[in-house]
Amino acid sequence: MSYQNYLEGGKLILTVPTTGGVQGKEANPNLPEQPEEIAEAAYECEQLGAAIVHLHGRDEHGERDAGRLQEVNDAVRDRCDDIIIQNTTGGTGIPLEGRVAGIRTDPLPEMASLDMGPMNRYQHITSENTRHMIDSLAEEMQEKGIKPEMEVFNNGHLNEVHRLIEKGLLDEPYYINLIFGPGTLTPPTPENMVNMVNNLPENSIFNVLAIGPHQLPLTTMGIVMGGHVRIGMEDNLYFRRGEPAESNAQLVERTVGIADKLDRDLASPAEARELLGMSSQ
């Protein structure tokens, strides 16, 4: 996966993370929190060309609640046509038994995120993501035919991807989400993106996730580098400096327009499944 993929007209997979599990409506009242709100956001973005929706559950007060992922999944399936459901298995301060809800829904999701190592987000809490957690989740995903999206928060986490490959816990092509932002994430610069892409394992496909003001420039760069992109309100609450985003669809529509100007067609959910080596469900 490289610039050559862009030159050859490789299709672009667009993932939309509708809500996340950190900020709520106090940060932007347009952020969807309840299942029907999330499902409507997923539908709007699917109509614009999103192939994958990344999902979190929240309780009736907007607090994260993995126990509601089943309800969110059901709402998205009822509202959307064919979008690929990708459930979270992450969560700051949440033990393994609280992480597995996302890969135990009925029916199973086609995809799930898989954090590849620790991350500092708050002053007194670290996302542990121990090797035991990672391996346990990877094993269950492989057994169930769920495609993992490896969440690489910094370049050291690429070592963990190689480790899972060596253990035989991943199936080709490897789908790697490169994450850029503050704290212990990879510093968000074009130079660091090039370095990360240059260090990917063979037979891998990369996706770009950038936080806040870095979402637009770095995902645009990812489009040109032949990768795929994640655009939505979990990662960025603003349309431009000082202007809160009106919706996930507003952010997605802008990136769809950029991809069109760069002559890169969007992959449908069916085409995304084929690119990622997933069987159609």
C-alpha atoms as a PDB file:
ATOM      1  CA  MET A   1       0.000   0.000   0.000  1.00  0.00           C
ATOM      2  CA  SER A   2       1.793   3.127  -1.207  1.00  0.00           C
ATOM      3  CA  TYR A   3       1.677   6.172  -3.476  1.00  0.00           C
ATOM      4  CA  GLN A   4       1.642   3.678  -6.349  1.00  0.00           C
ATOM      5  CA  ASN A   5      -1.767   2.524  -5.115  1.00  0.00           C
ATOM      6  CA  TYR A   6      -3.000   6.105  -5.526  1.00  0.00           C
ATOM      7  CA  LEU A   7      -1.511   6.391  -9.005  1.00  0.00           C
ATOM      8  CA  GLU A   8      -3.113   3.118 -10.052  1.00  0.00           C
ATOM      9  CA  GLY A   9      -6.560   4.241  -8.903  1.00  0.00           C
ATOM     10  CA  GLY A  10      -6.845   2.049  -5.820  1.00  0.00           C
ATOM     11  CA  LYS A  11     -10.180   2.665  -4.132  1.00  0.00           C
ATOM     12  CA  LEU A  12     -10.431   4.522  -0.824  1.00  0.00           C
ATOM     13  CA  ILE A  13     -12.046   2.947   2.247  1.00  0.00           C
ATOM     14  CA  LEU A  14     -13.670   5.603   4.432  1.00  0.00           C
ATOM     15  CA  THR A  15     -14.432   4.791   8.068  1.00  0.00           C
ATOM     16  CA  VAL A  16     -16.646   7.020  10.207  1.00  0.00           C
ATOM     17  CA  PRO A  17     -16.241   6.983  14.032  1.00  0.00           C
ATOM     18  CA  THR A  18     -19.527   8.534  15.031  1.00  0.00           C
ATOM     19  CA  THR A  19     -19.187   9.128  18.762  1.00  0.00           C
ATOM     20  CA  GLY A  20     -16.304   7.517  20.691  1.00  0.00           C
ATOM     21  CA  GLY A  21     -16.322   7.135  24.453  1.00  0.00           C
ATOM     22  CA  VAL A  22     -14.670  10.287  25.796  1.00  0.00           C
ATOM     23  CA  GLN A  23     -16.200  13.680  24.986  1.00  0.00           C
ATOM     24  CA  GLY A  24     -19.953  14.160  25.009  1.00  0.00           C
ATOM     25  CA  LYS A  25     -22.586  16.714  24.110  1.00  0.00           C
ATOM     26  CA  GLU A  26     -21.010  19.142  26.551  1.00  0.00           C
ATOM     27  CA  ALA A  27     -18.137  19.427  24.055  1.00  0.00           C
ATOM     28  CA  ASN A  28     -20.384  19.574  20.980  1.00  0.00           C
ATOM     29  CA  PRO A  29     -24.180  19.205  21.239  1.00  0.00           C
ATOM     30  CA  ASN A  30     -24.262  17.679  17.748  1.00  0.00           C
ATOM     31  CA  LEU A  31     -22.327  14.585  18.859  1.00  0.00           C
ATOM     32  CA  PRO A  32     -24.596  11.508  18.613  1.00  0.00           C
ATOM     33  CA  GLU A  33     -24.802   9.477  21.816  1.00  0.00           C
ATOM     34  CA  GLN A  34     -27.937   7.338  21.817  1.00  0.00           C
ATOM     35  CA  PRO A  35     -28.405   4.303  19.516  1.00  0.00           C
ATOM     36  CA  GLU A  36     -30.874   5.957  17.160  1.00  0.00           C
ATOM     37  CA  GLU A  37     -28.719   9.080  16.890  1.00  0.00           C
ATOM     38  CA  ILE A  38     -25.663   6.945  16.120  1.00  0.00           C
ATOM     39  CA  ALA A  39     -27.590   4.889  13.569  1.00  0.00           C
ATOM     40  CA  GLU A  40     -28.851   8.015  11.803  1.00  0.00           C
ATOM     41  CA  ALA A  41     -25.307   9.405  11.650  1.00  0.00           C
ATOM     42  CA  ALA A  42     -24.054   6.096  10.228  1.00  0.00           C
ATOM     43  CA  TYR A  43     -26.793   6.130   7.583  1.00  0.00           C
ATOM     44  CA  GLU A  44     -26.057   9.708   6.513  1.00  0.00           C
ATOM     45  CA  CYS A  45     -22.359   8.879   6.145  1.00  0.00           C
ATOM     46  CA  GLU A  46     -23.074   5.625   4.306  1.00  0.00           C
ATOM     47  CA  GLN A  47     -25.092   7.599   1.781  1.00  0.00           C
ATOM     48  CA  LEU A  48     -22.065   9.828   1.238  1.00  0.00           C
ATOM     49  CA  GLY A  49     -19.771   6.853   0.674  1.00  0.00           C
ATOM     50  CA  ALA A  50     -18.536   5.603   4.055  1.00  0.00           C
ATOM     51  CA  ALA A  51     -17.914   1.842   3.973  1.00  0.00           C
ATOM     52  CA  ILE A  52     -17.220   1.216   7.682  1.00  0.00           C
ATOM     53  CA  VAL A  53     -18.743   2.600  10.871  1.00  0.00           C
ATOM     54  CA  HIS A  54     -16.706   2.418  14.080  1.00  0.00           C
ATOM     55  CA  LEU A  55     -19.053   2.021  17.037  1.00  0.00           C
ATOM     56  CA  HIS A  56     -19.084   2.698  20.778  1.00  0.00           C
ATOM     57  CA  GLY A  57     -21.937   2.276  23.231  1.00  0.00           C
ATOM     58  CA  ARG A  58     -23.094   4.983  25.629  1.00  0.00           C
ATOM     59  CA  ASP A  59     -25.635   4.899  28.413  1.00  0.00           C
ATOM     60  CA  GLU A  60     -28.703   7.128  28.676  1.00  0.00           C
ATOM     61  CA  HIS A  61     -26.534   9.874  30.217  1.00  0.00           C
ATOM     62  CA  GLY A  62     -23.962   9.738  27.437  1.00  0.00           C
ATOM     63  CA  GLU A  63     -21.315   7.883  29.439  1.00  0.00           C
ATOM     64  CA  ARG A  64     -19.475   5.043  27.705  1.00  0.00           C
ATOM     65  CA  ASP A  65     -21.192   1.704  28.114  1.00  0.00           C
ATOM     66  CA  ALA A  66     -20.003  -1.297  26.099  1.00  0.00           C
ATOM     67  CA  GLY A  67     -23.092  -3.147  27.285  1.00  0.00           C
ATOM     68  CA  ARG A  68     -25.153  -1.058  24.851  1.00  0.00           C
ATOM     69  CA  LEU A  69     -23.148  -2.090  21.793  1.00  0.00           C
ATOM     70  CA  GLN A  70     -25.758  -4.730  20.969  1.00  0.00           C
ATOM     71  CA  GLU A  71     -28.468  -2.074  20.927  1.00  0.00           C
ATOM     72  CA  VAL A  72     -26.294   0.229  18.817  1.00  0.00           C
ATOM     73  CA  ASN A  73     -25.471  -2.594  16.373  1.00  0.00           C
ATOM     74  CA  ASP A  74     -29.161  -3.442  16.009  1.00  0.00           C
ATOM     75  CA  ALA A  75     -30.073   0.188  15.361  1.00  0.00           C
ATOM     76  CA  VAL A  76     -27.341   0.578  12.727  1.00  0.00           C
ATOM     77  CA  ARG A  77     -28.371  -2.616  10.937  1.00  0.00           C
ATOM     78  CA  ASP A  78     -31.998  -1.494  10.909  1.00  0.00           C
ATOM     79  CA  ARG A  79     -31.139   1.968   9.539  1.00  0.00           C
ATOM     80  CA  CYS A  80     -28.284   1.282   7.129  1.00  0.00           C
ATOM     81  CA  ASP A  81     -28.078  -0.680   3.915  1.00  0.00           C
ATOM     82  CA  ASP A  82     -24.753  -2.538   3.930  1.00  0.00           C
ATOM     83  CA  ILE A  83     -22.239  -0.553   5.997  1.00  0.00           C
ATOM     84  CA  ILE A  84     -19.574  -2.661   7.749  1.00  0.00           C
ATOM     85  CA  ILE A  85     -19.902  -2.647  11.537  1.00  0.00           C
ATOM     86  CA  GLN A  86     -16.615  -2.254  13.387  1.00  0.00           C
ATOM     87  CA  ASN A  87     -17.058  -2.419  17.160  1.00  0.00           C
ATOM     88  CA  THR A  88     -14.584  -1.078  19.681  1.00  0.00           C
ATOM     89  CA  THR A  89     -12.725  -3.362  22.089  1.00  0.00           C
ATOM     90  CA  GLY A  90     -10.827  -0.449  23.643  1.00  0.00           C
ATOM     91  CA  GLY A  91     -11.442   1.494  26.809  1.00  0.00           C
ATOM     92  CA  THR A  92      -9.280   3.456  29.234  1.00  0.00           C
ATOM     93  CA  GLY A  93      -9.198   1.745  32.619  1.00  0.00           C
ATOM     94  CA  ILE A  94     -11.505  -1.096  31.497  1.00  0.00           C
ATOM     95  CA  PRO A  95     -10.372  -4.684  32.222  1.00  0.00           C
ATOM     96  CA  LEU A  96     -10.429  -7.456  29.629  1.00  0.00           C
ATOM     97  CA  GLU A  97     -13.849  -8.748  30.683  1.00  0.00           C
ATOM     98  CA  GLY A  98     -15.279  -5.335  29.822  1.00  0.00           C
ATOM     99  CA  ARG A  99     -13.576  -5.244  26.415  1.00  0.00           C
ATOM    100  CA  VAL A 100     -15.084  -8.371  24.881  1.00  0.00           C
ATOM    101  CA  ALA A 101     -18.657  -7.052  24.506  1.00  0.00           C
ATOM    102  CA  GLY A 102     -17.772  -5.691  21.088  1.00  0.00           C
ATOM    103  CA  ILE A 103     -16.884  -9.136  19.727  1.00  0.00           C
ATOM    104  CA  ARG A 104     -19.773 -10.992  21.359  1.00  0.00           C
ATOM    105  CA  THR A 105     -22.772  -9.275  19.821  1.00  0.00           C
ATOM    106  CA  ASP A 106     -25.386 -11.258  17.907  1.00  0.00           C
ATOM    107  CA  PRO A 107     -24.764 -11.311  15.035  1.00  0.00           C
ATOM    108  CA  LEU A 108     -21.038 -10.797  15.322  1.00  0.00           C
ATOM    109  CA  PRO A 109     -19.519  -7.620  13.902  1.00  0.00           C
ATOM    110  CA  GLU A 110     -17.501  -7.981  10.731  1.00  0.00           C
ATOM    111  CA  MET A 111     -14.673  -5.946  12.251  1.00  0.00           C
ATOM    112  CA  ALA A 112     -13.378  -4.755  15.619  1.00  0.00           C
ATOM    113  CA  SER A 113     -10.659  -2.405  16.760  1.00  0.00           C
ATOM    114  CA  LEU A 114      -7.635  -3.893  18.547  1.00  0.00           C
ATOM    115  CA  ASP A 115      -5.441  -1.541  20.595  1.00  0.00           C
ATOM    116  CA  MET A 116      -1.782  -2.500  20.211  1.00  0.00           C
ATOM    117  CA  GLY A 117      -0.332  -1.149  23.438  1.00  0.00           C
ATOM    118  CA  PRO A 118      -0.585   1.300  26.335  1.00  0.00           C
ATOM    119  CA  MET A 119      -1.618   4.909  25.921  1.00  0.00           C
ATOM    120  CA  ASN A 120      -1.777   7.834  28.336  1.00  0.00           C
ATOM    121  CA  ARG A 121      -4.928   9.907  28.003  1.00  0.00           C
ATOM    122  CA  TYR A 122      -5.730  11.214  31.474  1.00  0.00           C
ATOM    123  CA  GLN A 123      -3.628  12.471  34.374  1.00  0.00           C
ATOM    124  CA  HIS A 124      -4.098   9.393  36.560  1.00  0.00           C
ATOM    125  CA  ILE A 125      -5.344   6.668  34.191  1.00  0.00           C
ATOM    126  CA  THR A 126      -3.504   4.728  31.485  1.00  0.00           C
ATOM    127  CA  SER A 127      -5.025   2.515  28.828  1.00  0.00           C
ATOM    128  CA  GLU A 128      -3.095  -0.600  29.766  1.00  0.00           C
ATOM    129  CA  ASN A 129      -3.613  -2.832  26.730  1.00  0.00           C
ATOM    130  CA  THR A 130      -1.302  -5.514  28.066  1.00  0.00           C
ATOM    131  CA  ARG A 131      -0.006  -8.277  25.817  1.00  0.00           C
ATOM    132  CA  HIS A 132      -2.372 -10.677  27.561  1.00  0.00           C
ATOM    133  CA  MET A 133      -5.326  -8.441  26.636  1.00  0.00           C
ATOM    134  CA  ILE A 134      -4.115  -7.979  23.063  1.00  0.00           C
ATOM    135  CA  ASP A 135      -3.464 -11.668  22.474  1.00  0.00           C
ATOM    136  CA  SER A 136      -6.741 -12.766  24.052  1.00  0.00           C
ATOM    137  CA  LEU A 137      -8.756 -10.378  21.887  1.00  0.00           C
ATOM    138  CA  ALA A 138      -6.778 -11.249  18.746  1.00  0.00           C
ATOM    139  CA  GLU A 139      -7.294 -14.979  19.325  1.00  0.00           C
ATOM    140  CA  GLU A 140     -11.045 -14.583  19.780  1.00  0.00           C
ATOM    141  CA  MET A 141     -11.333 -12.366  16.699  1.00  0.00           C
ATOM    142  CA  GLN A 142      -9.419 -14.893  14.601  1.00  0.00           C
ATOM    143  CA  GLU A 143     -11.551 -17.784  15.860  1.00  0.00           C
ATOM    144  CA  LYS A 144     -14.757 -15.882  15.039  1.00  0.00           C
ATOM    145  CA  GLY A 145     -13.648 -14.505  11.674  1.00  0.00           C
ATOM    146  CA  ILE A 146     -13.754 -10.871  12.868  1.00  0.00           C
ATOM    147  CA  LYS A 147     -11.282  -8.646  10.997  1.00  0.00           C
ATOM    148  CA  PRO A 148      -9.123  -6.680  13.458  1.00  0.00           C
ATOM    149  CA  GLU A 149      -8.210  -3.070  12.820  1.00  0.00           C
ATOM    150  CA  MET A 150      -4.920  -2.725  14.689  1.00  0.00           C
ATOM    151  CA  GLU A 151      -4.839   0.588  16.568  1.00  0.00           C
ATOM    152  CA  VAL A 152      -1.203   1.784  16.421  1.00  0.00           C
ATOM    153  CA  PHE A 153      -0.900   4.736  18.802  1.00  0.00           C
ATOM    154  CA  ASN A 154       2.851   5.200  18.276  1.00  0.00           C
ATOM    155  CA  ASN A 155       5.685   3.666  16.298  1.00  0.00           C
ATOM    156  CA  GLY A 156       6.597   1.215  19.073  1.00  0.00           C
ATOM    157  CA  HIS A 157       3.201  -0.402  18.594  1.00  0.00           C
ATOM    158  CA  LEU A 158       4.275  -1.521  15.131  1.00  0.00           C
ATOM    159  CA  ASN A 159       6.563  -3.958  16.957  1.00  0.00           C
ATOM    160  CA  GLU A 160       3.462  -5.472  18.519  1.00  0.00           C
ATOM    161  CA  VAL A 161       1.858  -5.905  15.103  1.00  0.00           C
ATOM    162  CA  HIS A 162       4.947  -7.832  13.971  1.00  0.00           C
ATOM    163  CA  ARG A 163       4.716  -9.917  17.157  1.00  0.00           C
ATOM    164  CA  LEU A 164       1.106 -10.903  16.435  1.00  0.00           C
ATOM    165  CA  ILE A 165       2.063 -11.784  12.868  1.00  0.00           C
ATOM    166  CA  GLU A 166       4.885 -14.011  14.132  1.00  0.00           C
ATOM    167  CA  LYS A 167       2.444 -15.714  16.529  1.00  0.00           C
ATOM    168  CA  GLY A 168       0.063 -16.433  13.659  1.00  0.00           C
ATOM    169  CA  LEU A 169      -2.775 -14.407  15.206  1.00  0.00           C
ATOM    170  CA  LEU A 170      -3.405 -12.193  12.165  1.00  0.00           C
ATOM    171  CA  ASP A 171      -4.606 -13.001   8.672  1.00  0.00           C
ATOM    172  CA  GLU A 172      -3.466 -11.112   5.565  1.00  0.00           C
ATOM    173  CA  PRO A 173      -3.885  -8.400   4.586  1.00  0.00           C
ATOM    174  CA  TYR A 174      -3.097  -6.763   7.915  1.00  0.00           C
ATOM    175  CA  TYR A 175      -5.250  -3.676   8.480  1.00  0.00           C
ATOM    176  CA  ILE A 176      -3.332  -1.075  10.493  1.00  0.00           C
ATOM    177  CA  ASN A 177      -4.782   2.171  11.811  1.00  0.00           C
ATOM    178  CA  LEU A 178      -2.009   4.782  12.197  1.00  0.00           C
ATOM    179  CA  ILE A 179      -3.017   7.285  14.879  1.00  0.00           C
ATOM    180  CA  PHE A 180      -1.593  10.797  15.189  1.00  0.00           C
ATOM    181  CA  GLY A 181      -2.236  13.242  18.010  1.00  0.00           C
ATOM    182  CA  PRO A 182      -1.248  14.434  21.492  1.00  0.00           C
ATOM    183  CA  GLY A 183       0.036  12.593  24.557  1.00  0.00           C
ATOM    184  CA  THR A 184       1.624   9.230  23.832  1.00  0.00           C
ATOM    185  CA  LEU A 185       0.236   9.116  20.297  1.00  0.00           C
ATOM    186  CA  THR A 186       2.558   9.596  17.334  1.00  0.00           C
ATOM    187  CA  PRO A 187       3.276  13.342  17.004  1.00  0.00           C
ATOM    188  CA  PRO A 188       1.057  14.595  14.155  1.00  0.00           C
ATOM    189  CA  THR A 189       3.475  15.637  11.415  1.00  0.00           C
ATOM    190  CA  PRO A 190       3.775  14.698   7.736  1.00  0.00           C
ATOM    191  CA  GLU A 191       7.319  13.448   8.368  1.00  0.00           C
ATOM    192  CA  ASN A 192       6.104  11.016  11.020  1.00  0.00           C
ATOM    193  CA  MET A 193       3.380   9.710   8.735  1.00  0.00           C
ATOM    194  CA  VAL A 194       5.910   8.930   6.019  1.00  0.00           C
ATOM    195  CA  ASN A 195       8.112   7.176   8.568  1.00  0.00           C
ATOM    196  CA  MET A 196       5.229   5.087   9.907  1.00  0.00           C
ATOM    197  CA  VAL A 197       4.147   4.048   6.424  1.00  0.00           C
ATOM    198  CA  ASN A 198       7.723   3.122   5.538  1.00  0.00           C
ATOM    199  CA  ASN A 199       7.880   0.790   8.553  1.00  0.00           C
ATOM    200  CA  LEU A 200       4.663  -1.131   7.919  1.00  0.00           C
ATOM    201  CA  PRO A 201       4.874  -4.911   7.634  1.00  0.00           C
ATOM    202  CA  GLU A 202       4.562  -6.481   4.216  1.00  0.00           C
ATOM    203  CA  ASN A 203       1.047  -7.357   3.060  1.00  0.00           C
ATOM    204  CA  SER A 204      -0.505  -4.589   5.135  1.00  0.00           C
ATOM    205  CA  ILE A 205      -3.097  -1.908   4.420  1.00  0.00           C
ATOM    206  CA  PHE A 206      -2.986   1.333   6.376  1.00  0.00           C
ATOM    207  CA  ASN A 207      -5.650   3.722   7.566  1.00  0.00           C
ATOM    208  CA  VAL A 208      -5.014   7.258   8.872  1.00  0.00           C
ATOM    209  CA  LEU A 209      -6.603   8.651  12.048  1.00  0.00           C
ATOM    210  CA  ALA A 210      -5.615  12.143  13.178  1.00  0.00           C
ATOM    211  CA  ILE A 211      -6.963  14.040  16.170  1.00  0.00           C
ATOM    212  CA  GLY A 212      -8.575  17.486  16.119  1.00  0.00           C
ATOM    213  CA  PRO A 213      -7.050  20.044  13.734  1.00  0.00           C
ATOM    214  CA  HIS A 214      -4.768  17.391  12.260  1.00  0.00           C
ATOM    215  CA  GLN A 215      -7.656  15.311  10.908  1.00  0.00           C
ATOM    216  CA  LEU A 216      -8.086  17.164   7.638  1.00  0.00           C
ATOM    217  CA  PRO A 217      -4.436  17.642   6.558  1.00  0.00           C
ATOM    218  CA  LEU A 218      -3.130  14.223   7.555  1.00  0.00           C
ATOM    219  CA  THR A 219      -6.063  12.241   6.191  1.00  0.00           C
ATOM    220  CA  THR A 220      -5.730  14.176   2.928  1.00  0.00           C
ATOM    221  CA  MET A 221      -2.090  13.171   2.887  1.00  0.00           C
ATOM    222  CA  GLY A 222      -3.150   9.584   3.563  1.00  0.00           C
ATOM    223  CA  ILE A 223      -5.396   9.656   0.502  1.00  0.00           C
ATOM    224  CA  VAL A 224      -2.471  10.683  -1.711  1.00  0.00           C
ATOM    225  CA  MET A 225      -0.158   8.116  -0.104  1.00  0.00           C
ATOM    226  CA  GLY A 226      -2.514   5.336  -1.139  1.00  0.00           C
ATOM    227  CA  GLY A 227      -3.919   4.624   2.301  1.00  0.00           C
ATOM    228  CA  HIS A 228      -7.423   4.801   3.729  1.00  0.00           C
ATOM    229  CA  VAL A 229      -8.980   7.322   6.116  1.00  0.00           C
ATOM    230  CA  ARG A 230     -11.109   7.662   9.224  1.00  0.00           C
ATOM    231  CA  ILE A 231     -13.230  10.825   9.443  1.00  0.00           C
ATOM    232  CA  GLY A 232     -15.702  11.659  12.187  1.00  0.00           C
ATOM    233  CA  MET A 233     -16.626  13.264  15.477  1.00  0.00           C
ATOM    234  CA  GLU A 234     -14.925  10.777  17.791  1.00  0.00           C
ATOM    235  CA  ASP A 235     -11.633  12.212  16.532  1.00  0.00           C
ATOM    236  CA  ASN A 236     -12.536  15.811  15.729  1.00  0.00           C
ATOM    237  CA  LEU A 237     -15.400  18.008  16.956  1.00  0.00           C
ATOM    238  CA  TYR A 238     -14.709  20.997  14.701  1.00  0.00           C
ATOM    239  CA  PHE A 239     -15.302  21.690  11.027  1.00  0.00           C
ATOM    240  CA  ARG A 240     -12.735  24.469  11.070  1.00  0.00           C
ATOM    241  CA  ARG A 241     -10.998  26.525  13.742  1.00  0.00           C
ATOM    242  CA  GLY A 242     -13.632  27.932  16.106  1.00  0.00           C
ATOM    243  CA  GLU A 243     -16.548  26.337  14.227  1.00  0.00           C
ATOM    244  CA  PRO A 244     -18.040  23.182  15.784  1.00  0.00           C
ATOM    245  CA  ALA A 245     -18.945  20.419  13.358  1.00  0.00           C
ATOM    246  CA  GLU A 246     -22.638  20.192  12.566  1.00  0.00           C
ATOM    247  CA  SER A 247     -22.519  16.437  12.098  1.00  0.00           C
ATOM    248  CA  ASN A 248     -20.366  13.488  11.152  1.00  0.00           C
ATOM    249  CA  ALA A 249     -21.804  13.824   7.659  1.00  0.00           C
ATOM    250  CA  GLN A 250     -20.445  17.364   7.329  1.00  0.00           C
ATOM    251  CA  LEU A 251     -16.906  16.131   8.015  1.00  0.00           C
ATOM    252  CA  VAL A 252     -17.293  13.100   5.769  1.00  0.00           C
ATOM    253  CA  GLU A 253     -18.744  15.146   2.907  1.00  0.00           C
ATOM    254  CA  ARG A 254     -15.693  17.408   2.895  1.00  0.00           C
ATOM    255  CA  THR A 255     -13.281  14.485   2.651  1.00  0.00           C
ATOM    256  CA  VAL A 256     -15.406  12.824  -0.040  1.00  0.00           C
ATOM    257  CA  GLY A 257     -15.062  16.040  -2.037  1.00  0.00           C
ATOM    258  CA  ILE A 258     -11.293  16.053  -1.577  1.00  0.00           C
ATOM    259  CA  ALA A 259     -11.043  12.421  -2.671  1.00  0.00           C
ATOM    260  CA  ASP A 260     -13.104  13.254  -5.734  1.00  0.00           C
ATOM    261  CA  LYS A 261     -10.840  16.177  -6.648  1.00  0.00           C
ATOM    262  CA  LEU A 262      -7.836  13.879  -6.237  1.00  0.00           C
ATOM    263  CA  ASP A 263      -9.549  11.363  -8.541  1.00  0.00           C
ATOM    264  CA  ARG A 264      -9.732   8.621  -5.934  1.00  0.00           C
ATOM    265  CA  ASP A 265     -12.975   6.664  -5.969  1.00  0.00           C
ATOM    266  CA  LEU A 266     -14.579   5.451  -2.753  1.00  0.00           C
ATOM    267  CA  ALA A 267     -14.873   1.751  -2.011  1.00  0.00           C
ATOM    268  CA  SER A 268     -18.377   0.454  -1.382  1.00  0.00           C
ATOM    269  CA  PRO A 269     -18.826  -1.842   1.633  1.00  0.00           C
ATOM    270  CA  ALA A 270     -18.654  -4.844  -0.730  1.00  0.00           C
ATOM    271  CA  GLU A 271     -15.447  -3.535  -2.299  1.00  0.00           C
ATOM    272  CA  ALA A 272     -13.990  -2.792   1.145  1.00  0.00           C
ATOM    273  CA  ARG A 273     -14.647  -6.389   2.191  1.00  0.00           C
ATOM    274  CA  GLU A 274     -12.778  -7.599  -0.866  1.00  0.00           C
ATOM    275  CA  LEU A 275      -9.843  -5.251  -0.266  1.00  0.00           C
ATOM    276  CA  LEU A 276      -9.593  -6.328   3.372  1.00  0.00           C
ATOM    277  CA  GLY A 277      -9.868 -10.039   2.632  1.00  0.00           C
ATOM    278  CA  MET A 278     -13.191 -10.402   4.426  1.00  0.00           C
ATOM    279  CA  SER A 279     -15.987 -12.720   3.474  1.00  0.00           C
ATOM    280  CA  SER A 280     -19.328 -11.024   2.760  1.00  0.00           C
ATOM    281  CA  GLN A 281     -21.883 -11.437   5.542  1.00  0.00           C
END
